[in-house]
PDB file of all heavy atoms in Angstrom:
ATOM      1  N   TYR A   1       0.830  -1.238  -0.009  1.00  0.00           N
ATOM      2  CA  TYR A   1      -0.022  -0.038   0.075  1.00  0.00           C
ATOM      3  C   TYR A   1       0.877   1.301  -0.029  1.00  0.00           C
ATOM      4  O   TYR A   1       0.526   2.278  -0.626  1.00  0.00           O
ATOM      5  CB  TYR A   1      -0.932   0.036   1.240  1.00  0.00           C
ATOM      6  CG  TYR A   1      -2.123  -0.970   1.118  1.00  0.00           C
ATOM      7  CD1 TYR A   1      -2.842  -1.372   2.226  1.00  0.00           C
ATOM      8  CD2 TYR A   1      -2.539  -1.331  -0.176  1.00  0.00           C
ATOM      9  CE1 TYR A   1      -3.910  -2.222   2.064  1.00  0.00           C
ATOM     10  CE2 TYR A   1      -3.634  -2.291  -0.262  1.00  0.00           C
ATOM     11  CZ  TYR A   1      -4.330  -2.670   0.883  1.00  0.00           C
ATOM     12  OH  TYR A   1      -5.368  -3.432   0.789  1.00  0.00           O
ATOM     13  N   VAL A   2       2.032   1.250   0.723  1.00  0.00           N
ATOM     14  CA  VAL A   2       2.910   2.359   0.711  1.00  0.00           C
ATOM     15  C   VAL A   2       3.539   2.621  -0.638  1.00  0.00           C
ATOM     16  O   VAL A   2       3.529   3.711  -1.193  1.00  0.00           O
ATOM     17  CB  VAL A   2       4.045   2.148   1.721  1.00  0.00           C
ATOM     18  CG1 VAL A   2       5.137   3.284   1.584  1.00  0.00           C
ATOM     19  CG2 VAL A   2       3.415   2.328   3.174  1.00  0.00           C
ATOM     20  N   PHE A   3       3.987   1.549  -1.335  1.00  0.00           N
ATOM     21  CA  PHE A   3       4.502   1.582  -2.738  1.00  0.00           C
ATOM     22  C   PHE A   3       3.421   2.122  -3.712  1.00  0.00           C
ATOM     23  O   PHE A   3       3.691   2.911  -4.538  1.00  0.00           O
ATOM     24  CB  PHE A   3       5.107   0.257  -3.112  1.00  0.00           C
ATOM     25  CG  PHE A   3       6.328  -0.101  -2.414  1.00  0.00           C
ATOM     26  CD1 PHE A   3       6.641  -1.517  -2.152  1.00  0.00           C
ATOM     27  CD2 PHE A   3       7.200   0.772  -1.952  1.00  0.00           C
ATOM     28  CE1 PHE A   3       7.707  -1.915  -1.525  1.00  0.00           C
ATOM     29  CE2 PHE A   3       8.330   0.398  -1.261  1.00  0.00           C
ATOM     30  CZ  PHE A   3       8.584  -0.966  -1.054  1.00  0.00           C
ATOM     31  N   ALA A   4       2.158   1.589  -3.449  1.00  0.00           N
ATOM     32  CA  ALA A   4       1.052   2.032  -4.371  1.00  0.00           C
ATOM     33  C   ALA A   4       0.841   3.608  -4.078  1.00  0.00           C
ATOM     34  O   ALA A   4       0.576   4.287  -4.990  1.00  0.00           O
ATOM     35  CB  ALA A   4      -0.135   1.184  -4.018  1.00  0.00           C
ATOM     36  N   MET A   5       0.837   3.935  -2.864  1.00  0.00           N
ATOM     37  CA  MET A   5       0.746   5.405  -2.551  1.00  0.00           C
ATOM     38  C   MET A   5       1.748   6.305  -3.256  1.00  0.00           C
ATOM     39  O   MET A   5       1.424   7.338  -3.869  1.00  0.00           O
ATOM     40  CB  MET A   5       0.691   5.651  -1.096  1.00  0.00           C
ATOM     41  CG  MET A   5       0.556   7.054  -0.655  1.00  0.00           C
ATOM     42  SD  MET A   5       2.096   8.004  -0.480  1.00  0.00           S
ATOM     43  CE  MET A   5       2.974   7.079   0.836  1.00  0.00           C
ATOM     44  N   ILE A   6       2.968   5.832  -3.294  1.00  0.00           N
ATOM     45  CA  ILE A   6       4.001   6.595  -3.922  1.00  0.00           C
ATOM     46  C   ILE A   6       3.803   6.608  -5.379  1.00  0.00           C
ATOM     47  O   ILE A   6       3.979   7.743  -6.060  1.00  0.00           O
ATOM     48  CB  ILE A   6       5.432   5.915  -3.533  1.00  0.00           C
ATOM     49  CG1 ILE A   6       5.708   6.095  -2.090  1.00  0.00           C
ATOM     50  CG2 ILE A   6       6.432   6.557  -4.448  1.00  0.00           C
ATOM     51  CD1 ILE A   6       7.044   5.303  -1.606  1.00  0.00           C
ATOM     52  N   ALA A   7       3.396   5.550  -5.968  1.00  0.00           N
ATOM     53  CA  ALA A   7       3.112   5.520  -7.390  1.00  0.00           C
ATOM     54  C   ALA A   7       1.965   6.391  -7.816  1.00  0.00           C
ATOM     55  O   ALA A   7       2.006   7.142  -8.756  1.00  0.00           O
ATOM     56  CB  ALA A   7       2.882   4.058  -7.853  1.00  0.00           C
ATOM     57  N   TYR A   8       0.868   6.325  -6.916  1.00  0.00           N
ATOM     58  CA  TYR A   8      -0.277   7.244  -7.212  1.00  0.00           C
ATOM     59  C   TYR A   8       0.184   8.708  -7.062  1.00  0.00           C
ATOM     60  O   TYR A   8      -0.265   9.553  -7.871  1.00  0.00           O
ATOM     61  CB  TYR A   8      -1.292   6.973  -6.197  1.00  0.00           C
ATOM     62  CG  TYR A   8      -2.221   5.773  -6.532  1.00  0.00           C
ATOM     63  CD1 TYR A   8      -2.363   4.650  -5.633  1.00  0.00           C
ATOM     64  CD2 TYR A   8      -3.039   5.751  -7.688  1.00  0.00           C
ATOM     65  CE1 TYR A   8      -3.185   3.701  -5.956  1.00  0.00           C
ATOM     66  CE2 TYR A   8      -3.781   4.646  -7.995  1.00  0.00           C
ATOM     67  CZ  TYR A   8      -3.866   3.614  -7.030  1.00  0.00           C
ATOM     68  OH  TYR A   8      -4.633   2.509  -7.332  1.00  0.00           O
ATOM     69  N   ALA A   9       1.023   9.083  -6.121  1.00  0.00           N
ATOM     70  CA  ALA A   9       1.476  10.401  -5.953  1.00  0.00           C
ATOM     71  C   ALA A   9       2.283  10.845  -7.273  1.00  0.00           C
ATOM     72  O   ALA A   9       2.092  11.997  -7.731  1.00  0.00           O
ATOM     73  CB  ALA A   9       2.327  10.551  -4.722  1.00  0.00           C
ATOM     74  N   LEU A  10       3.119   9.955  -7.719  1.00  0.00           N
ATOM     75  CA  LEU A  10       3.888  10.314  -8.910  1.00  0.00           C
ATOM     76  C   LEU A  10       2.906  10.444 -10.158  1.00  0.00           C
ATOM     77  O   LEU A  10       3.190  11.346 -10.995  1.00  0.00           O
ATOM     78  CB  LEU A  10       4.779   9.089  -9.241  1.00  0.00           C
ATOM     79  CG  LEU A  10       6.106   9.029  -8.266  1.00  0.00           C
ATOM     80  CD1 LEU A  10       6.938   7.783  -8.576  1.00  0.00           C
ATOM     81  CD2 LEU A  10       6.972  10.252  -8.319  1.00  0.00           C
ATOM     82  N   ASP A  11       1.874   9.688 -10.170  1.00  0.00           N
ATOM     83  CA  ASP A  11       0.849   9.791 -11.230  1.00  0.00           C
ATOM     84  C   ASP A  11       0.201  11.092 -11.166  1.00  0.00           C
ATOM     85  O   ASP A  11      -0.085  11.801 -12.168  1.00  0.00           O
ATOM     86  CB  ASP A  11      -0.116   8.648 -11.119  1.00  0.00           C
ATOM     87  CG  ASP A  11      -1.201   8.680 -12.270  1.00  0.00           C
ATOM     88  OD1 ASP A  11      -0.707   8.844 -13.379  1.00  0.00           O
ATOM     89  OD2 ASP A  11      -2.401   8.644 -11.969  1.00  0.00           O
ATOM     90  N   LEU A  12      -0.179  11.540  -9.939  1.00  0.00           N
ATOM     91  CA  LEU A  12      -0.728  12.916  -9.816  1.00  0.00           C
ATOM     92  C   LEU A  12       0.195  14.063 -10.123  1.00  0.00           C
ATOM     93  O   LEU A  12      -0.288  14.987 -10.820  1.00  0.00           O
ATOM     94  CB  LEU A  12      -1.171  13.091  -8.293  1.00  0.00           C
ATOM     95  CG  LEU A  12      -2.518  12.474  -7.833  1.00  0.00           C
ATOM     96  CD1 LEU A  12      -2.705  12.624  -6.352  1.00  0.00           C
ATOM     97  CD2 LEU A  12      -3.702  12.942  -8.617  1.00  0.00           C
ATOM     98  N   ALA A  13       1.438  13.846  -9.870  1.00  0.00           N
ATOM     99  CA  ALA A  13       2.449  14.869 -10.128  1.00  0.00           C
ATOM    100  C   ALA A  13       2.875  14.965 -11.627  1.00  0.00           C
ATOM    101  O   ALA A  13       3.073  16.027 -12.208  1.00  0.00           O
ATOM    102  CB  ALA A  13       3.658  14.660  -9.261  1.00  0.00           C
ATOM    103  N   PHE A  14       2.995  13.716 -12.212  1.00  0.00           N
ATOM    104  CA  PHE A  14       3.586  13.715 -13.515  1.00  0.00           C
ATOM    105  C   PHE A  14       2.750  12.962 -14.558  1.00  0.00           C
ATOM    106  O   PHE A  14       2.906  13.242 -15.740  1.00  0.00           O
ATOM    107  CB  PHE A  14       4.928  13.090 -13.571  1.00  0.00           C
ATOM    108  CG  PHE A  14       6.009  13.713 -12.701  1.00  0.00           C
ATOM    109  CD1 PHE A  14       6.321  13.129 -11.449  1.00  0.00           C
ATOM    110  CD2 PHE A  14       6.515  14.879 -13.052  1.00  0.00           C
ATOM    111  CE1 PHE A  14       7.273  13.790 -10.591  1.00  0.00           C
ATOM    112  CE2 PHE A  14       7.440  15.515 -12.167  1.00  0.00           C
ATOM    113  CZ  PHE A  14       7.813  14.944 -11.012  1.00  0.00           C
ATOM    114  N   GLY A  15       1.888  12.078 -14.125  1.00  0.00           N
ATOM    115  CA  GLY A  15       1.237  11.146 -15.054  1.00  0.00           C
ATOM    116  C   GLY A  15       0.363  11.818 -16.072  1.00  0.00           C
ATOM    117  O   GLY A  15       0.357  11.576 -17.227  1.00  0.00           O
ATOM    118  N   ARG A  16      -0.558  12.687 -15.580  1.00  0.00           N
ATOM    119  CA  ARG A  16      -1.416  13.367 -16.516  1.00  0.00           C
ATOM    120  C   ARG A  16      -0.654  14.166 -17.533  1.00  0.00           C
ATOM    121  O   ARG A  16      -0.988  14.197 -18.755  1.00  0.00           O
ATOM    122  CB  ARG A  16      -2.320  14.190 -15.764  1.00  0.00           C
ATOM    123  CG  ARG A  16      -3.335  13.472 -14.830  1.00  0.00           C
ATOM    124  CD  ARG A  16      -4.374  14.382 -14.215  1.00  0.00           C
ATOM    125  NE  ARG A  16      -5.314  13.619 -13.414  1.00  0.00           N
ATOM    126  CZ  ARG A  16      -6.257  14.133 -12.805  1.00  0.00           C
ATOM    127  NH1 ARG A  16      -6.577  15.427 -12.870  1.00  0.00           N
ATOM    128  NH2 ARG A  16      -7.116  13.378 -12.040  1.00  0.00           N
ATOM    129  N   SER A  17       0.330  14.894 -17.157  1.00  0.00           N
ATOM    130  CA  SER A  17       1.187  15.765 -18.016  1.00  0.00           C
ATOM    131  C   SER A  17       1.922  14.882 -18.963  1.00  0.00           C
ATOM    132  O   SER A  17       2.120  15.208 -20.141  1.00  0.00           O
ATOM    133  CB  SER A  17       2.050  16.705 -17.300  1.00  0.00           C
ATOM    134  OG  SER A  17       2.870  15.965 -16.499  1.00  0.00           O
ATOM    135  N   ALA A  18       2.316  13.713 -18.544  1.00  0.00           N
ATOM    136  CA  ALA A  18       3.064  12.730 -19.375  1.00  0.00           C
ATOM    137  C   ALA A  18       2.183  12.292 -20.549  1.00  0.00           C
ATOM    138  O   ALA A  18       2.568  12.151 -21.711  1.00  0.00           O
ATOM    139  CB  ALA A  18       3.618  11.626 -18.573  1.00  0.00           C
ATOM    140  N   THR A  19       0.914  11.875 -20.145  1.00  0.00           N
ATOM    141  CA  THR A  19       0.003  11.461 -21.089  1.00  0.00           C
ATOM    142  C   THR A  19      -0.370  12.521 -22.152  1.00  0.00           C
ATOM    143  O   THR A  19      -0.444  12.276 -23.330  1.00  0.00           O
ATOM    144  CB  THR A  19      -1.323  10.995 -20.396  1.00  0.00           C
ATOM    145  OG1 THR A  19      -1.014   9.935 -19.509  1.00  0.00           O
ATOM    146  CG2 THR A  19      -2.370  10.433 -21.479  1.00  0.00           C
ATOM    147  N   ALA A  20      -0.548  13.669 -21.575  1.00  0.00           N
ATOM    148  CA  ALA A  20      -0.875  14.858 -22.548  1.00  0.00           C
ATOM    149  C   ALA A  20       0.359  15.116 -23.402  1.00  0.00           C
ATOM    150  O   ALA A  20       0.148  15.471 -24.601  1.00  0.00           O
ATOM    151  CB  ALA A  20      -1.173  16.058 -21.686  1.00  0.00           C
ATOM    152  N   SER A  21       1.557  15.026 -22.943  1.00  0.00           N
ATOM    153  CA  SER A  21       2.780  15.258 -23.729  1.00  0.00           C
ATOM    154  C   SER A  21       2.775  14.204 -24.834  1.00  0.00           C
ATOM    155  O   SER A  21       3.160  14.459 -25.975  1.00  0.00           O
ATOM    156  CB  SER A  21       3.977  15.157 -22.904  1.00  0.00           C
ATOM    157  OG  SER A  21       5.138  15.283 -23.582  1.00  0.00           O
ATOM    158  N   ALA A  22       2.517  12.909 -24.517  1.00  0.00           N
ATOM    159  CA  ALA A  22       2.565  11.857 -25.447  1.00  0.00           C
ATOM    160  C   ALA A  22       1.571  12.087 -26.571  1.00  0.00           C
ATOM    161  O   ALA A  22       1.773  11.905 -27.775  1.00  0.00           O
ATOM    162  CB  ALA A  22       2.231  10.502 -24.855  1.00  0.00           C
ATOM    163  N   ARG A  23       0.424  12.587 -26.254  1.00  0.00           N
ATOM    164  CA  ARG A  23      -0.632  12.951 -27.243  1.00  0.00           C
ATOM    165  C   ARG A  23      -0.232  14.148 -28.063  1.00  0.00           C
ATOM    166  O   ARG A  23      -0.559  14.169 -29.243  1.00  0.00           O
ATOM    167  CB  ARG A  23      -1.991  13.276 -26.544  1.00  0.00           C
ATOM    168  CG  ARG A  23      -2.616  11.964 -25.933  1.00  0.00           C
ATOM    169  CD  ARG A  23      -3.879  12.342 -25.232  1.00  0.00           C
ATOM    170  NE  ARG A  23      -4.553  11.178 -24.602  1.00  0.00           N
ATOM    171  CZ  ARG A  23      -5.585  11.195 -23.764  1.00  0.00           C
ATOM    172  NH1 ARG A  23      -6.118  12.315 -23.471  1.00  0.00           N
ATOM    173  NH2 ARG A  23      -6.113  10.087 -23.260  1.00  0.00           N
ATOM    174  N   ALA A  24       0.468  15.043 -27.467  1.00  0.00           N
ATOM    175  CA  ALA A  24       0.870  16.206 -28.204  1.00  0.00           C
ATOM    176  C   ALA A  24       1.910  15.919 -29.235  1.00  0.00           C
ATOM    177  O   ALA A  24       2.061  16.703 -30.204  1.00  0.00           O
ATOM    178  CB  ALA A  24       1.498  17.279 -27.260  1.00  0.00           C
ATOM    179  N   LYS A  25       2.585  14.793 -29.120  1.00  0.00           N
ATOM    180  CA  LYS A  25       3.587  14.374 -30.152  1.00  0.00           C
ATOM    181  C   LYS A  25       2.925  13.931 -31.450  1.00  0.00           C
ATOM    182  O   LYS A  25       3.644  13.737 -32.475  1.00  0.00           O
ATOM    183  CB  LYS A  25       4.502  13.274 -29.540  1.00  0.00           C
ATOM    184  CG  LYS A  25       5.402  13.852 -28.426  1.00  0.00           C
ATOM    185  CD  LYS A  25       6.288  12.720 -28.029  1.00  0.00           C
ATOM    186  CE  LYS A  25       7.208  13.269 -26.810  1.00  0.00           C
ATOM    187  NZ  LYS A  25       8.013  12.172 -26.283  1.00  0.00           N
ATOM    188  N   GLN A  26       1.648  13.642 -31.449  1.00  0.00           N
ATOM    189  CA  GLN A  26       0.924  13.260 -32.679  1.00  0.00           C
ATOM    190  C   GLN A  26       1.015  14.365 -33.665  1.00  0.00           C
ATOM    191  O   GLN A  26       0.631  15.539 -33.369  1.00  0.00           O
ATOM    192  CB  GLN A  26      -0.482  12.874 -32.311  1.00  0.00           C
ATOM    193  CG  GLN A  26      -0.686  11.820 -31.236  1.00  0.00           C
ATOM    194  CD  GLN A  26      -0.531  10.443 -31.808  1.00  0.00           C
ATOM    195  OE1 GLN A  26      -0.745  10.284 -33.049  1.00  0.00           O
ATOM    196  NE2 GLN A  26      -0.314   9.504 -31.020  1.00  0.00           N
ATOM    197  N   PRO A  27       1.415  14.146 -34.940  1.00  0.00           N
ATOM    198  CA  PRO A  27       1.504  15.242 -35.850  1.00  0.00           C
ATOM    199  C   PRO A  27       0.072  15.704 -36.292  1.00  0.00           C
ATOM    200  O   PRO A  27      -0.741  14.939 -36.635  1.00  0.00           O
ATOM    201  CB  PRO A  27       2.227  14.565 -37.051  1.00  0.00           C
ATOM    202  CG  PRO A  27       1.920  13.070 -36.922  1.00  0.00           C
ATOM    203  CD  PRO A  27       1.815  12.818 -35.436  1.00  0.00           C
ATOM    204  N   VAL A  28      -0.048  17.028 -36.241  1.00  0.00           N
ATOM    205  CA  VAL A  28      -1.308  17.663 -36.596  1.00  0.00           C
ATOM    206  C   VAL A  28      -1.035  18.670 -37.637  1.00  0.00           C
ATOM    207  O   VAL A  28      -0.338  19.679 -37.441  1.00  0.00           O
ATOM    208  CB  VAL A  28      -2.019  18.350 -35.475  1.00  0.00           C
ATOM    209  CG1 VAL A  28      -3.325  18.973 -35.863  1.00  0.00           C
ATOM    210  CG2 VAL A  28      -2.295  17.318 -34.350  1.00  0.00           C
ATOM    211  N   PRO A  29      -1.393  18.446 -38.966  1.00  0.00           N
ATOM    212  CA  PRO A  29      -1.192  19.331 -39.944  1.00  0.00           C
ATOM    213  C   PRO A  29      -1.830  20.668 -39.807  1.00  0.00           C
ATOM    214  O   PRO A  29      -3.132  20.717 -39.756  1.00  0.00           O
ATOM    215  CB  PRO A  29      -1.576  18.712 -41.197  1.00  0.00           C
ATOM    216  CG  PRO A  29      -2.578  17.634 -40.832  1.00  0.00           C
ATOM    217  CD  PRO A  29      -2.237  17.270 -39.393  1.00  0.00           C
ATOM    218  N   VAL A  30      -1.221  21.753 -39.806  1.00  0.00           N
ATOM    219  CA  VAL A  30      -1.740  23.106 -39.685  1.00  0.00           C
ATOM    220  C   VAL A  30      -1.180  23.976 -40.687  1.00  0.00           C
ATOM    221  O   VAL A  30       0.020  24.056 -40.877  1.00  0.00           O
ATOM    222  CB  VAL A  30      -1.453  23.736 -38.288  1.00  0.00           C
ATOM    223  CG1 VAL A  30      -2.040  25.101 -38.164  1.00  0.00           C
ATOM    224  CG2 VAL A  30      -2.012  22.819 -37.197  1.00  0.00           C
ATOM    225  N   THR A  31      -1.940  24.626 -41.507  1.00  0.00           N
ATOM    226  CA  THR A  31      -1.438  25.441 -42.629  1.00  0.00           C
ATOM    227  C   THR A  31      -1.907  26.825 -42.473  1.00  0.00           C
ATOM    228  O   THR A  31      -2.865  27.191 -41.750  1.00  0.00           O
ATOM    229  CB  THR A  31      -1.949  24.928 -44.011  1.00  0.00           C
ATOM    230  OG1 THR A  31      -3.389  24.920 -43.955  1.00  0.00           O
ATOM    231  CG2 THR A  31      -1.476  23.558 -44.303  1.00  0.00           C
ATOM    232  N   VAL A  32      -1.229  27.784 -43.094  1.00  0.00           N
ATOM    233  CA  VAL A  32      -1.541  29.216 -42.959  1.00  0.00           C
ATOM    234  C   VAL A  32      -1.889  29.664 -44.432  1.00  0.00           C
ATOM    235  O   VAL A  32      -1.085  29.441 -45.426  1.00  0.00           O
ATOM    236  CB  VAL A  32      -0.317  30.033 -42.507  1.00  0.00           C
ATOM    237  CG1 VAL A  32      -0.645  31.493 -42.517  1.00  0.00           C
ATOM    238  CG2 VAL A  32      -0.018  29.517 -41.137  1.00  0.00           C
ATOM    239  N   GLY A  33      -2.933  30.370 -44.632  1.00  0.00           N
ATOM    240  CA  GLY A  33      -3.354  30.922 -45.874  1.00  0.00           C
ATOM    241  C   GLY A  33      -4.382  30.195 -46.673  1.00  0.00           C
ATOM    242  O   GLY A  33      -5.183  30.721 -47.238  1.00  0.00           O
ATOM    243  N   GLY A  34      -4.424  28.879 -46.597  1.00  0.00           N
ATOM    244  CA  GLY A  34      -5.527  28.098 -47.095  1.00  0.00           C
ATOM    245  C   GLY A  34      -5.309  27.734 -48.545  1.00  0.00           C
ATOM    246  O   GLY A  34      -6.141  27.054 -49.165  1.00  0.00           O
ATOM    247  N   GLY A  35      -4.293  28.132 -49.268  1.00  0.00           N
ATOM    248  CA  GLY A  35      -4.216  28.000 -50.662  1.00  0.00           C
ATOM    249  C   GLY A  35      -3.188  26.828 -50.909  1.00  0.00           C
ATOM    250  O   GLY A  35      -2.685  26.200 -50.036  1.00  0.00           O
ATOM    251  N   ALA A  36      -2.893  26.589 -52.188  1.00  0.00           N
ATOM    252  CA  ALA A  36      -2.021  25.502 -52.572  1.00  0.00           C
ATOM    253  C   ALA A  36      -0.578  25.700 -52.026  1.00  0.00           C
ATOM    254  O   ALA A  36       0.127  24.835 -51.787  1.00  0.00           O
ATOM    255  CB  ALA A  36      -2.069  25.332 -54.138  1.00  0.00           C
ATOM    256  N   ASP A  37      -0.234  27.034 -52.021  1.00  0.00           N
ATOM    257  CA  ASP A  37       1.162  27.367 -51.663  1.00  0.00           C
ATOM    258  C   ASP A  37       1.259  27.590 -50.113  1.00  0.00           C
ATOM    259  O   ASP A  37       2.154  28.293 -49.682  1.00  0.00           O
ATOM    260  CB  ASP A  37       1.637  28.550 -52.422  1.00  0.00           C
ATOM    261  CG  ASP A  37       1.685  28.220 -53.865  1.00  0.00           C
ATOM    262  OD1 ASP A  37       1.832  27.026 -54.248  1.00  0.00           O
ATOM    263  OD2 ASP A  37       1.463  29.194 -54.717  1.00  0.00           O
ATOM    264  N   SER A  38       0.185  27.235 -49.429  1.00  0.00           N
ATOM    265  CA  SER A  38       0.169  27.547 -48.023  1.00  0.00           C
ATOM    266  C   SER A  38       1.388  26.962 -47.334  1.00  0.00           C
ATOM    267  O   SER A  38       1.727  25.728 -47.546  1.00  0.00           O
ATOM    268  CB  SER A  38      -1.129  27.082 -47.357  1.00  0.00           C
ATOM    269  OG  SER A  38      -2.142  27.801 -47.973  1.00  0.00           O
ATOM    270  N   ALA A  39       1.953  27.560 -46.293  1.00  0.00           N
ATOM    271  CA  ALA A  39       3.046  27.083 -45.597  1.00  0.00           C
ATOM    272  C   ALA A  39       2.587  26.647 -44.194  1.00  0.00           C
ATOM    273  O   ALA A  39       1.611  27.193 -43.688  1.00  0.00           O
ATOM    274  CB  ALA A  39       4.207  28.159 -45.407  1.00  0.00           C
ATOM    275  N   PRO A  40       3.193  25.610 -43.673  1.00  0.00           N
ATOM    276  CA  PRO A  40       2.834  25.152 -42.289  1.00  0.00           C
ATOM    277  C   PRO A  40       3.080  26.254 -41.281  1.00  0.00           C
ATOM    278  O   PRO A  40       4.043  26.994 -41.394  1.00  0.00           O
ATOM    279  CB  PRO A  40       3.775  23.957 -42.011  1.00  0.00           C
ATOM    280  CG  PRO A  40       4.362  23.580 -43.398  1.00  0.00           C
ATOM    281  CD  PRO A  40       4.364  24.802 -44.216  1.00  0.00           C
ATOM    282  N   ALA A  41       2.124  26.348 -40.334  1.00  0.00           N
ATOM    283  CA  ALA A  41       2.218  27.383 -39.270  1.00  0.00           C
ATOM    284  C   ALA A  41       3.399  26.948 -38.352  1.00  0.00           C
ATOM    285  O   ALA A  41       3.577  25.793 -38.101  1.00  0.00           O
ATOM    286  CB  ALA A  41       0.888  27.496 -38.492  1.00  0.00           C
ATOM    287  N   GLU A  42       4.016  28.005 -37.784  1.00  0.00           N
ATOM    288  CA  GLU A  42       5.125  27.679 -36.831  1.00  0.00           C
ATOM    289  C   GLU A  42       4.551  27.132 -35.552  1.00  0.00           C
ATOM    290  O   GLU A  42       3.552  27.703 -34.972  1.00  0.00           O
ATOM    291  CB  GLU A  42       5.837  29.009 -36.593  1.00  0.00           C
ATOM    292  CG  GLU A  42       7.065  28.746 -35.719  1.00  0.00           C
ATOM    293  CD  GLU A  42       7.853  30.038 -35.511  1.00  0.00           C
ATOM    294  OE1 GLU A  42       7.527  30.940 -36.239  1.00  0.00           O
ATOM    295  OE2 GLU A  42       8.798  30.060 -34.684  1.00  0.00           O
ATOM    296  N   ALA A  43       5.060  26.029 -35.087  1.00  0.00           N
ATOM    297  CA  ALA A  43       4.552  25.300 -33.898  1.00  0.00           C
ATOM    298  C   ALA A  43       4.885  26.207 -32.651  1.00  0.00           C
ATOM    299  O   ALA A  43       5.935  26.774 -32.575  1.00  0.00           O
ATOM    300  CB  ALA A  43       5.110  23.941 -33.758  1.00  0.00           C
TER     301      ALA A  43
END
């Protein structure tokens, strides 16, 4: 139970942001201008 508590605490501190960070690495195409020559927006 003590080890579980430590792991839960780490999950509260880092786990959600780690999951969000992993999802953020998914490539999402974003363009500027809307035309054929549109350039990708700066991330």
